[in-house]
Amino acid sequence: MNRIVTELFLEKPSFEEVSKVAKSLEEAQVKTILLPPENRGINTHLVVEQADMEKTREKLKSLSVPFQEKDVMLIRLENKPGTMAEVAMKVSNSGVNLTYAFSVTMDEDYSFVLLGSDDNEKALSVL
């Protein structure tokens, strides 16, 4: 479950625009892993598998959708106090610096977070 994925940043599109992009990606056989749940009026994060990035870049370019991409770790954590601190400590103790953390979704039992570091492979190996 925990793995390295690519996070795409789209600058302040409407929910309708994000939905259109996600549908177009799906037609190109790229499944977005995470989508925003609502129109928040902020930058939007779409997450896709690294293996799909070539198709994703081609599709977004054909749609004239500007985006930035960042390789991050997708981590599933128990949804309880202290789990993020435990992860940060494990990564820190391995000598890797966390540079980014973003909680993307949660339910009663689990939360999913995106983490970036100066060495995602090494950080992922200690989790």
Protein backbone atom coordinates (compact mmCIF):
# COMPACT_ATOMS: atom_id res chain seq x y z
CA MET A 1 0.00 0.00 0.00
CA ASN A 2 2.68 2.53 0.98
CA ARG A 3 4.48 3.59 -2.19
CA ILE A 4 5.99 6.43 -4.17
CA VAL A 5 3.51 8.23 -6.39
CA THR A 6 3.43 11.52 -8.28
CA GLU A 7 1.45 14.45 -7.00
CA LEU A 8 0.21 16.95 -9.56
CA PHE A 9 -0.53 20.53 -8.58
CA LEU A 10 -3.15 22.37 -10.61
CA GLU A 11 -3.43 26.08 -9.86
CA LYS A 12 -6.83 27.02 -8.43
CA PRO A 13 -9.11 25.27 -10.91
CA SER A 14 -12.78 24.88 -10.17
CA PHE A 15 -14.08 21.50 -9.06
CA GLU A 16 -15.71 21.16 -12.48
CA GLU A 17 -12.35 21.71 -14.20
CA VAL A 18 -10.65 19.15 -11.98
CA SER A 19 -13.43 16.67 -12.70
CA LYS A 20 -12.96 17.25 -16.44
CA VAL A 21 -9.21 16.69 -16.12
CA ALA A 22 -9.75 13.49 -14.11
CA LYS A 23 -12.26 12.20 -16.67
CA SER A 24 -9.84 12.97 -19.52
CA LEU A 25 -7.05 11.16 -17.67
CA GLU A 26 -9.32 8.19 -17.14
CA GLU A 27 -10.05 8.12 -20.89
CA ALA A 28 -6.26 7.97 -21.38
CA GLN A 29 -6.26 4.99 -18.99
CA VAL A 30 -4.73 6.95 -16.12
CA LYS A 31 -6.57 6.44 -12.85
CA THR A 32 -6.20 9.28 -10.39
CA ILE A 33 -5.61 7.86 -6.93
CA LEU A 34 -6.80 10.88 -5.00
CA LEU A 35 -9.04 13.77 -5.93
CA PRO A 36 -10.31 16.70 -3.89
CA PRO A 37 -13.76 16.08 -2.45
CA GLU A 38 -15.14 19.54 -3.17
CA ASN A 39 -14.53 22.94 -4.69
CA ARG A 40 -12.15 24.55 -2.20
CA GLY A 41 -10.85 27.49 -4.24
CA ILE A 42 -7.24 26.50 -3.58
CA ASN A 43 -4.56 24.69 -5.51
CA THR A 44 -5.68 21.17 -6.30
CA HIS A 45 -3.71 18.00 -5.83
CA LEU A 46 -4.21 15.02 -8.08
CA VAL A 47 -2.20 11.90 -7.36
CA VAL A 48 -1.27 9.33 -9.98
CA GLU A 49 0.96 6.28 -10.13
CA GLN A 50 4.49 6.98 -11.34
CA ALA A 51 4.08 4.41 -14.11
CA ASP A 52 1.29 6.57 -15.59
CA MET A 53 3.23 9.82 -15.73
CA GLU A 54 4.14 9.72 -19.43
CA LYS A 55 0.48 9.34 -20.42
CA THR A 56 -0.49 11.94 -17.82
CA ARG A 57 1.96 14.53 -19.15
CA GLU A 58 0.78 13.95 -22.73
CA LYS A 59 -2.90 14.28 -21.79
CA LEU A 60 -2.44 17.41 -19.65
CA LYS A 61 -0.36 19.02 -22.39
CA SER A 62 -3.06 18.24 -24.98
CA LEU A 63 -5.64 19.87 -22.66
CA SER A 64 -3.37 22.91 -22.12
CA VAL A 65 -3.57 22.34 -18.37
CA PRO A 66 -0.57 23.82 -16.56
CA PHE A 67 0.70 21.65 -13.73
CA GLN A 68 3.67 20.93 -11.54
CA GLU A 69 4.66 17.48 -10.43
CA LYS A 70 6.40 16.12 -7.35
CA ASP A 71 7.32 12.57 -6.39
CA VAL A 72 6.00 11.81 -2.92
CA MET A 73 5.24 8.85 -0.70
CA LEU A 74 1.62 7.82 -0.22
CA ILE A 75 1.33 6.45 3.31
CA ARG A 76 -1.64 4.89 5.09
CA LEU A 77 -1.70 5.58 8.82
CA GLU A 78 -4.03 4.70 11.63
CA ASN A 79 -6.23 7.70 12.28
CA LYS A 80 -5.18 8.37 15.86
CA PRO A 81 -3.06 10.96 17.65
CA GLY A 82 0.68 10.47 17.37
CA THR A 83 0.89 8.31 14.24
CA MET A 84 2.32 11.13 12.11
CA ALA A 85 4.90 11.90 14.83
CA GLU A 86 5.92 8.21 14.88
CA VAL A 87 6.43 8.24 11.12
CA ALA A 88 8.43 11.48 11.27
CA MET A 89 10.65 10.03 14.01
CA LYS A 90 11.32 6.81 12.06
CA VAL A 91 12.25 8.79 8.96
CA SER A 92 14.40 11.23 10.94
CA ASN A 93 16.21 8.41 12.76
CA SER A 94 17.13 6.93 9.37
CA GLY A 95 18.92 10.18 8.47
CA VAL A 96 16.33 11.37 5.95
CA ASN A 97 14.80 14.84 6.17
CA LEU A 98 11.06 15.19 5.61
CA THR A 99 10.41 18.23 3.42
CA TYR A 100 6.67 17.95 2.82
CA ALA A 101 3.57 16.53 4.49
CA PHE A 102 -0.02 16.79 3.35
CA SER A 103 -3.00 14.89 4.71
CA VAL A 104 -5.19 13.98 1.78
CA THR A 105 -8.04 11.93 3.19
CA MET A 106 -9.17 10.23 6.32
CA ASP A 107 -11.97 8.18 7.73
CA GLU A 108 -12.69 6.82 11.16
CA ASP A 109 -9.89 4.22 11.02
CA TYR A 110 -7.23 5.47 8.60
CA SER A 111 -5.73 8.57 7.12
CA PHE A 112 -3.69 8.84 3.95
CA VAL A 113 -0.83 11.32 3.81
CA LEU A 114 1.62 12.42 1.18
CA LEU A 115 5.18 12.81 2.43
CA GLY A 116 8.15 14.22 0.59
CA SER A 117 11.75 13.88 1.64
CA ASP A 118 15.28 14.30 0.40
CA ASP A 119 15.34 10.51 -0.23
CA ASN A 120 11.87 9.01 -0.74
CA GLU A 121 13.19 5.49 -1.42
CA LYS A 122 15.14 5.34 1.83
CA ALA A 123 12.32 6.91 3.84
CA LEU A 124 9.82 4.44 2.43
CA SER A 125 12.11 1.53 3.29
CA VAL A 126 12.01 2.38 7.01
CA LEU A 127 8.22 2.71 7.18
